[in-house]
Amino acid sequence: MKTKPSLALALSTLAAVALTACGGGSGSTDNQAPTSTVSTAAASNLTAISASPISSDSNVESFDVLASIGDTWRLTVNKSTGAYTVTPNNSQYGLVAESGTLTRTASGDFVTYTLANKISLTQDTRTAALSGSMTVGSQTATVSGSPYQVSNASKLAGVYTFMGTTRDKVGGSNAEFFAGQLLISTDGATATLCIGGKVDSSGNCVDVDTTNTTTPEKGVVALSKDSSTNGGFYKMTVIGSDNQSHDWGNLLVQNGDLGTVLLIDRFGNGDNGSSSTVRVGNFYAVKSQTLKGSEFQGTWKCGTSGGTATVVAGTDQATITNPNETPSTWSEVLSYNTVNASNDSKLTFAGFMTSQVSGDPSSAVLVLPLSASLAVVENQSTKGIGLCSKQ
């Protein structure tokens, strides 16, 4: 949105645009999808993937948490007392377990978890998705989490639409943004990523932008689960140039009314596992589908390079407000199931949506709705990803 850095969304080489926040305009707004509809869809999906709570104690909540800094944390909360523990798993920053007492408040379809200067989280009880911010040790991160685990990765099989970002752990340099599709194999043993394109049922990358000569990039990552050591998530590994297996990340499973959501903590020594440079980042994916055109309706808070923006989205327009921008309020046009081509024309790509200033195709940005309460957008100025939470 707008022609200055901020919340700019791009689909790898398919789109490269600048923006400041996200959303805009007129049209009716639906700030909250019907609880029964969201709950029913989420419950149906939960059954389909045979997911179960990480915690077996009804008075204790356990969440696997994806941290934006490139870490995986386990958050455990006693619902009666508010006593909590955060246990980092394979932290890239040497973080250790912390404990304390937070305030847990249930209201309507949401539960909030707060502790001054440490924790500010909201859980949508319809999907059980967790989002917000946390500080552990010296590290503060935007987070998204899940209280579920899936013991059989074959239940995750299928095609997902994704956005991802990586950067050097030290200094945050050499940032990259990725988008496209990924395929979880029928046996759940591998994830095939197609960056800048689609993936077919055989794991082949399919180009969607014929306006340039760029070829979509393909990568294959192995999945494995060891319940005795890593709880609810899957380890992701790649075979490096030395023909050895190397860490690539962790995959967490989040439920949603739009289908299964994958949260990926990306970490490892370069793309092939053998580089001396540690890379960190996050990928967000949701089961591929054709959006109905109402998934982004309502009021959202989105993280941007200029602070938090408020987005009020209607059916085909959105109004964005960010006090740190000039002007502080503006409108944009929404288009579902589209991305921008390299020549700024619109391409059909189910699952994604674009938002742009009217009459300025080069300003189009990419948005990926994940569920009734979560969406992600790319921050062009940092080649990062912003998390949007439904209000």
Protein backbone atom coordinates (compact mmCIF):
# COMPACT_ATOMS: atom_id res chain seq x y z
CA MET A 1 0.00 0.00 0.00
CA LYS A 2 1.24 3.30 -1.00
CA THR A 3 4.55 3.66 -2.75
CA LYS A 4 6.82 3.69 0.28
CA PRO A 5 8.28 0.87 2.38
CA SER A 6 6.12 -0.77 4.95
CA LEU A 7 3.78 -3.71 4.62
CA ALA A 8 4.65 -4.73 1.08
CA LEU A 9 3.71 -8.16 -0.05
CA ALA A 10 5.34 -10.00 -2.89
CA LEU A 11 5.19 -13.51 -4.29
CA SER A 12 8.88 -14.16 -4.78
CA THR A 13 9.53 -13.06 -8.35
CA LEU A 14 5.81 -12.91 -9.11
CA ALA A 15 5.31 -9.63 -7.26
CA ALA A 16 7.57 -7.01 -5.80
CA VAL A 17 5.77 -4.00 -4.39
CA ALA A 18 5.95 -1.39 -1.66
CA LEU A 19 3.37 -0.66 0.94
CA THR A 20 2.90 0.67 4.42
CA ALA A 21 0.14 -1.30 5.97
CA CYS A 22 -2.58 -3.40 4.69
CA GLY A 23 -6.24 -3.19 3.76
CA GLY A 24 -8.59 -0.30 2.88
CA GLY A 25 -11.97 1.08 2.09
CA SER A 26 -15.66 0.67 1.81
CA GLY A 27 -18.04 -2.23 1.82
CA SER A 28 -19.75 -3.88 4.74
CA THR A 29 -17.59 -5.27 7.52
CA ASP A 30 -18.04 -8.48 9.46
CA ASN A 31 -15.82 -8.11 12.50
CA GLN A 32 -16.47 -11.60 13.77
CA ALA A 33 -17.36 -14.69 11.78
CA PRO A 34 -20.21 -16.67 13.37
CA THR A 35 -18.86 -18.74 16.24
CA SER A 36 -20.84 -21.82 15.23
CA THR A 37 -19.53 -21.74 11.66
CA VAL A 38 -15.89 -21.31 12.67
CA SER A 39 -16.11 -23.83 15.52
CA THR A 40 -17.81 -26.46 13.37
CA ALA A 41 -15.28 -26.14 10.56
CA ALA A 42 -12.35 -26.20 12.98
CA ALA A 43 -13.72 -29.23 14.83
CA SER A 44 -14.22 -31.09 11.57
CA ASN A 45 -10.64 -30.41 10.51
CA LEU A 46 -9.31 -31.43 13.92
CA THR A 47 -10.98 -34.81 13.51
CA ALA A 48 -9.70 -35.20 9.95
CA ILE A 49 -6.06 -34.82 11.00
CA SER A 50 -6.52 -36.88 14.19
CA ALA A 51 -5.04 -34.12 16.33
CA SER A 52 -4.92 -34.35 20.11
CA PRO A 53 -4.00 -31.89 22.88
CA ILE A 54 -0.33 -31.71 23.81
CA SER A 55 -1.33 -31.65 27.47
CA SER A 56 -3.19 -34.63 28.92
CA ASP A 57 -4.19 -32.60 32.02
CA SER A 58 -7.49 -30.75 31.57
CA ASN A 59 -6.32 -28.03 33.98
CA VAL A 60 -3.04 -27.45 32.13
CA GLU A 61 -2.62 -25.92 28.68
CA SER A 62 0.50 -26.67 26.66
CA PHE A 63 1.29 -24.81 23.45
CA ASP A 64 4.06 -25.26 20.92
CA VAL A 65 4.97 -21.70 19.96
CA LEU A 66 6.62 -20.36 16.81
CA ALA A 67 8.71 -17.27 17.64
CA SER A 68 9.47 -14.73 14.91
CA ILE A 69 13.15 -14.67 15.88
CA GLY A 70 13.49 -18.26 14.62
CA ASP A 71 12.90 -20.31 17.79
CA THR A 72 10.44 -22.92 19.01
CA TRP A 73 9.12 -22.57 22.56
CA ARG A 74 6.83 -24.71 24.74
CA LEU A 75 4.42 -22.64 26.85
CA THR A 76 2.63 -24.43 29.70
CA VAL A 77 -0.07 -22.65 31.71
CA ASN A 78 -2.05 -23.77 34.77
CA LYS A 79 -5.58 -22.53 34.06
CA SER A 80 -6.46 -22.23 37.76
CA THR A 81 -3.41 -20.42 39.10
CA GLY A 82 -1.86 -18.78 36.03
CA ALA A 83 1.49 -20.39 36.80
CA TYR A 84 3.42 -20.80 33.56
CA THR A 85 6.67 -22.17 32.20
CA VAL A 86 8.35 -21.35 28.88
CA THR A 87 10.80 -23.99 27.70
CA PRO A 88 12.83 -23.17 24.56
CA ASN A 89 13.57 -26.13 22.30
CA ASN A 90 16.94 -26.11 20.53
CA SER A 91 17.08 -22.32 20.95
CA GLN A 92 19.29 -20.52 18.45
CA TYR A 93 19.94 -17.87 21.11
CA GLY A 94 20.87 -20.02 24.08
CA LEU A 95 17.60 -19.26 25.87
CA VAL A 96 16.73 -21.30 28.96
CA ALA A 97 13.45 -22.16 30.68
CA GLU A 98 11.57 -19.44 32.58
CA SER A 99 8.65 -19.63 35.01
CA GLY A 100 6.26 -17.15 36.57
CA THR A 101 2.61 -16.28 37.03
CA LEU A 102 0.48 -14.60 34.38
CA THR A 103 -3.12 -13.38 34.28
CA ARG A 104 -5.43 -15.66 32.32
CA THR A 105 -8.80 -14.15 31.33
CA ALA A 106 -11.57 -15.88 29.37
CA SER A 107 -14.13 -13.70 27.57
CA GLY A 108 -16.46 -14.90 24.82
CA ASP A 109 -14.53 -16.75 22.10
CA PHE A 110 -11.13 -15.57 23.34
CA VAL A 111 -8.71 -16.16 26.21
CA THR A 112 -5.99 -13.62 26.99
CA TYR A 113 -2.70 -14.28 28.78
CA THR A 114 -0.88 -11.21 30.12
CA LEU A 115 2.18 -10.41 32.17
CA ALA A 116 3.69 -6.92 32.05
CA ASN A 117 6.76 -6.65 29.81
CA LYS A 118 6.74 -10.42 29.21
CA ILE A 119 3.56 -11.90 27.75
CA SER A 120 0.64 -10.59 25.71
CA LEU A 121 -1.25 -13.43 24.04
CA THR A 122 -4.74 -14.19 22.75
CA GLN A 123 -6.21 -17.61 22.05
CA ASP A 124 -9.20 -18.02 19.74
CA THR A 125 -11.07 -20.82 21.51
CA ARG A 126 -12.94 -21.72 18.31
CA THR A 127 -9.72 -22.84 16.60
CA ALA A 128 -7.42 -22.87 19.68
CA ALA A 129 -4.90 -20.77 17.70
CA LEU A 130 -2.60 -18.65 19.89
CA SER A 131 -0.99 -15.36 18.81
CA GLY A 132 0.65 -12.28 20.29
CA SER A 133 4.08 -11.43 21.68
CA MET A 134 6.46 -12.89 24.26
CA THR A 135 9.78 -11.98 25.82
CA VAL A 136 12.11 -14.78 26.91
CA GLY A 137 15.49 -13.80 28.27
CA SER A 138 16.71 -10.91 26.13
CA GLN A 139 14.64 -11.93 23.11
CA THR A 140 11.23 -10.44 22.24
CA ALA A 141 9.21 -12.03 19.46
CA THR A 142 5.87 -12.03 17.71
CA VAL A 143 4.48 -15.53 18.18
CA SER A 144 1.84 -17.94 16.96
CA GLY A 145 1.13 -21.24 18.65
CA SER A 146 -0.91 -24.42 18.87
CA PRO A 147 -2.07 -26.69 21.72
CA TYR A 148 -2.28 -29.68 19.32
CA GLN A 149 -0.07 -32.48 18.13
CA VAL A 150 -0.54 -34.88 15.23
CA SER A 151 1.12 -38.25 15.70
CA ASN A 152 0.78 -39.44 12.10
CA ALA A 153 2.23 -37.03 9.54
CA SER A 154 0.31 -38.74 6.74
CA LYS A 155 -2.74 -36.91 8.14
CA LEU A 156 -1.09 -33.68 6.99
CA ALA A 157 -0.73 -34.85 3.37
CA GLY A 158 -1.75 -32.40 0.68
CA VAL A 159 -0.95 -29.05 -0.91
CA TYR A 160 -0.50 -25.89 1.15
CA THR A 161 -0.10 -22.24 0.20
CA PHE A 162 2.75 -20.55 2.07
CA MET A 163 4.76 -17.44 2.84
CA GLY A 164 8.21 -17.55 4.40
CA THR A 165 11.13 -15.36 5.40
CA THR A 166 14.73 -16.05 6.40
CA ARG A 167 17.76 -13.97 7.40
CA ASP A 168 21.18 -14.36 8.98
CA LYS A 169 20.85 -14.94 12.71
CA VAL A 170 23.69 -12.53 13.44
CA GLY A 171 22.74 -9.01 12.42
CA GLY A 172 19.59 -10.03 10.54
CA SER A 173 21.25 -9.38 7.19
CA ASN A 174 20.64 -11.03 3.79
CA ALA A 175 16.89 -11.24 4.38
CA GLU A 176 14.82 -13.16 1.85
CA PHE A 177 11.07 -13.51 1.30
CA PHE A 178 9.47 -16.61 -0.21
CA ALA A 179 5.97 -17.57 -1.29
CA GLY A 180 4.36 -20.37 -3.25
CA GLN A 181 3.05 -23.84 -2.49
CA LEU A 182 4.33 -26.89 -0.63
CA LEU A 183 3.30 -30.54 -0.79
CA ILE A 184 3.30 -32.91 2.19
CA SER A 185 3.72 -36.42 0.77
CA THR A 186 1.03 -39.07 1.28
CA ASP A 187 3.22 -40.86 3.84
CA GLY A 188 4.09 -37.62 5.60
CA ALA A 189 7.82 -38.22 5.17
CA THR A 190 8.69 -35.16 3.07
CA ALA A 191 7.66 -31.60 2.33
CA THR A 192 8.32 -30.37 -1.22
CA LEU A 193 8.47 -26.57 -1.50
CA CYS A 194 7.91 -24.72 -4.75
CA ILE A 195 9.08 -21.11 -4.36
CA GLY A 196 7.45 -18.68 -6.76
CA GLY A 197 5.05 -21.23 -8.23
CA LYS A 198 2.60 -24.06 -7.61
CA VAL A 199 3.30 -27.72 -6.89
CA ASP A 200 1.41 -30.62 -8.47
CA SER A 201 0.50 -33.96 -6.87
CA SER A 202 3.77 -35.49 -8.12
CA GLY A 203 5.89 -32.81 -6.48
CA ASN A 204 6.69 -30.95 -9.70
CA CYS A 205 6.92 -27.15 -9.68
CA VAL A 206 4.49 -25.38 -11.99
CA ASP A 207 5.20 -21.82 -13.17
CA VAL A 208 2.29 -19.39 -12.89
CA ASP A 209 3.97 -16.27 -14.27
CA THR A 210 4.63 -16.39 -18.00
CA THR A 211 5.52 -12.69 -18.14
CA ASN A 212 9.13 -13.41 -17.16
CA THR A 213 11.76 -16.13 -17.61
CA THR A 214 12.21 -16.97 -13.95
CA THR A 215 11.79 -20.65 -13.05
CA PRO A 216 10.19 -21.62 -9.70
CA GLU A 217 12.68 -23.08 -7.22
CA LYS A 218 12.10 -26.55 -5.75
CA GLY A 219 13.31 -27.90 -2.42
CA VAL A 220 12.64 -31.15 -0.55
CA VAL A 221 12.75 -31.36 3.25
CA ALA A 222 12.40 -34.54 5.34
CA LEU A 223 9.94 -34.74 8.27
CA SER A 224 10.33 -36.88 11.39
CA LYS A 225 8.73 -36.99 14.82
CA ASP A 226 10.14 -38.28 18.07
CA SER A 227 7.46 -37.85 20.72
CA SER A 228 9.88 -38.56 23.55
CA THR A 229 11.97 -35.47 22.80
CA ASN A 230 10.13 -32.90 20.73
CA GLY A 231 6.51 -33.14 21.83
CA GLY A 232 3.96 -31.90 19.36
CA PHE A 233 6.10 -30.86 16.41
CA TYR A 234 8.14 -32.41 13.62
CA LYS A 235 11.85 -32.02 12.95
CA MET A 236 12.74 -30.91 9.43
CA THR A 237 16.07 -31.90 7.89
CA VAL A 238 17.85 -31.68 4.52
CA ILE A 239 20.70 -33.59 2.93
CA GLY A 240 23.59 -31.17 2.54
CA SER A 241 26.35 -31.01 -0.03
CA ASP A 242 28.37 -33.28 2.28
CA ASN A 243 25.66 -35.97 1.87
CA GLN A 244 24.81 -35.67 5.58
CA SER A 245 21.49 -34.78 7.22
CA HIS A 246 21.30 -31.24 8.63
CA ASP A 247 18.71 -29.26 10.61
CA TRP A 248 16.32 -27.20 8.51
CA GLY A 249 13.64 -26.36 11.10
CA ASN A 250 10.64 -27.44 13.17
CA LEU A 251 7.08 -27.86 11.89
CA LEU A 252 4.15 -27.16 14.23
CA VAL A 253 0.54 -28.00 13.46
CA GLN A 254 -2.15 -25.40 14.12
CA ASN A 255 -5.86 -25.94 13.54
CA GLY A 256 -8.20 -23.54 11.76
CA ASP A 257 -11.59 -23.15 10.14
CA LEU A 258 -9.90 -22.81 6.71
CA GLY A 259 -8.06 -26.08 7.21
CA THR A 260 -4.75 -27.22 8.67
CA VAL A 261 -2.16 -24.50 9.31
CA LEU A 262 1.56 -25.28 9.37
CA LEU A 263 3.89 -23.07 11.42
CA ILE A 264 7.55 -23.60 10.51
CA ASP A 265 10.49 -22.46 12.61
CA ARG A 266 13.25 -22.21 10.01
CA PHE A 267 16.81 -22.60 11.30
CA GLY A 268 19.99 -24.15 10.01
CA ASN A 269 23.41 -23.56 8.48
CA GLY A 270 22.50 -22.16 5.07
CA ASP A 271 20.32 -23.73 2.40
CA ASN A 272 22.35 -26.95 2.22
CA GLY A 273 23.09 -27.36 5.91
CA SER A 274 26.86 -27.02 5.55
CA SER A 275 27.33 -23.24 5.52
CA SER A 276 28.98 -21.52 8.48
CA THR A 277 26.18 -18.92 8.46
CA VAL A 278 23.15 -19.74 10.62
CA ARG A 279 19.86 -18.79 8.98
CA VAL A 280 16.64 -18.22 10.94
CA GLY A 281 13.08 -17.35 10.01
CA ASN A 282 9.46 -18.45 9.80
CA PHE A 283 7.14 -20.02 7.27
CA TYR A 284 3.33 -19.99 7.50
CA ALA A 285 1.19 -22.33 5.39
CA VAL A 286 -2.50 -23.23 5.08
CA LYS A 287 -4.26 -25.97 3.13
CA SER A 288 -4.62 -24.68 -0.43
CA GLN A 289 -8.14 -23.64 -1.40
CA THR A 290 -10.09 -21.09 -3.38
CA LEU A 291 -11.01 -18.22 -1.08
CA LYS A 292 -14.68 -17.24 -0.97
CA GLY A 293 -13.96 -13.51 -0.86
CA SER A 294 -14.88 -12.82 2.75
CA GLU A 295 -11.98 -14.35 4.68
CA PHE A 296 -10.33 -10.97 5.36
CA GLN A 297 -13.46 -9.07 6.25
CA GLY A 298 -13.48 -7.33 9.62
CA THR A 299 -11.01 -5.44 11.79
CA TRP A 300 -7.39 -6.59 12.10
CA LYS A 301 -4.23 -5.46 13.83
CA CYS A 302 -1.20 -6.04 11.61
CA GLY A 303 2.47 -5.74 12.47
CA THR A 304 4.41 -3.47 10.09
CA SER A 305 7.84 -1.87 9.92
CA GLY A 306 6.09 1.35 11.00
CA GLY A 307 4.43 -0.15 14.06
CA THR A 308 0.96 -1.67 14.35
CA ALA A 309 -1.62 -0.83 11.69
CA THR A 310 -5.39 -1.19 12.06
CA VAL A 311 -7.09 -2.65 9.00
CA VAL A 312 -10.85 -2.47 8.53
CA ALA A 313 -11.65 -4.67 5.55
CA GLY A 314 -14.90 -4.94 3.64
CA THR A 315 -15.70 -7.22 0.73
CA ASP A 316 -13.57 -5.44 -1.87
CA GLN A 317 -11.90 -2.54 -0.07
CA ALA A 318 -10.08 -1.86 3.17
CA THR A 319 -9.19 1.18 5.25
CA ILE A 320 -5.78 1.22 6.91
CA THR A 321 -4.84 3.43 9.85
CA ASN A 322 -1.30 3.78 11.12
CA PRO A 323 -0.43 6.86 13.23
CA ASN A 324 3.23 6.42 12.27
CA GLU A 325 2.54 7.01 8.56
CA THR A 326 1.68 10.14 6.56
CA PRO A 327 -1.18 10.31 5.80
CA SER A 328 -2.24 8.15 8.72
CA THR A 329 -5.35 6.73 7.00
CA TRP A 330 -5.86 5.53 3.43
CA SER A 331 -7.87 3.02 1.35
CA GLU A 332 -6.97 0.06 -0.82
CA VAL A 333 -8.74 -2.36 -3.16
CA LEU A 334 -8.86 -6.07 -2.24
CA SER A 335 -8.71 -8.91 -4.76
CA TYR A 336 -9.06 -12.54 -3.72
CA ASN A 337 -7.27 -15.55 -5.28
CA THR A 338 -4.77 -13.32 -7.09
CA VAL A 339 -1.09 -12.37 -7.11
CA ASN A 340 0.77 -9.81 -9.18
CA ALA A 341 2.84 -10.86 -12.18
CA SER A 342 6.26 -9.36 -12.83
CA ASN A 343 4.59 -6.87 -15.19
CA ASP A 344 2.03 -5.90 -12.50
CA SER A 345 -0.87 -7.70 -14.19
CA LYS A 346 -3.05 -9.92 -12.02
CA LEU A 347 -2.57 -13.71 -12.01
CA THR A 348 -4.95 -16.29 -10.58
CA PHE A 349 -3.49 -18.07 -7.56
CA ALA A 350 -6.00 -19.66 -5.18
CA GLY A 351 -5.45 -18.95 -1.50
CA PHE A 352 -3.59 -15.65 -1.86
CA MET A 353 -5.13 -12.20 -2.07
CA THR A 354 -3.79 -8.80 -3.06
CA SER A 355 -4.40 -5.30 -1.74
CA GLN A 356 -3.44 -2.19 -3.70
CA VAL A 357 -4.00 1.52 -3.96
CA SER A 358 -6.68 2.09 -6.61
CA GLY A 359 -5.16 2.73 -10.04
CA ASP A 360 -1.64 1.75 -8.94
CA PRO A 361 -1.02 -1.95 -9.80
CA SER A 362 2.62 -1.67 -8.74
CA SER A 363 1.50 -1.08 -5.15
CA ALA A 364 -0.24 -4.47 -4.89
CA VAL A 365 0.67 -6.51 -1.82
CA LEU A 366 0.12 -10.14 -0.90
CA VAL A 367 -2.00 -11.37 2.02
CA LEU A 368 -2.44 -14.99 3.15
CA PRO A 369 -5.48 -15.67 5.38
CA LEU A 370 -4.76 -18.57 7.73
CA SER A 371 -7.96 -18.78 9.77
CA ALA A 372 -10.84 -16.70 11.12
CA SER A 373 -8.46 -14.91 13.48
CA LEU A 374 -5.03 -14.99 11.79
CA ALA A 375 -3.48 -13.83 8.53
CA VAL A 376 0.07 -13.01 7.40
CA VAL A 377 1.48 -10.27 5.20
CA GLU A 378 4.99 -9.53 3.96
CA ASN A 379 6.93 -6.50 5.14
CA GLN A 380 8.76 -5.43 1.98
CA SER A 381 11.15 -3.02 3.66
CA THR A 382 12.62 -5.84 5.76
CA LYS A 383 11.68 -8.80 3.54
CA GLY A 384 9.90 -10.10 6.62
CA ILE A 385 6.38 -11.22 7.48
CA GLY A 386 3.80 -9.43 9.63
CA LEU A 387 1.19 -11.29 11.65
CA CYS A 388 -2.39 -9.98 11.54
CA SER A 389 -4.80 -10.80 14.37
CA LYS A 390 -8.57 -10.42 14.08
CA GLN A 391 -10.06 -8.02 16.61
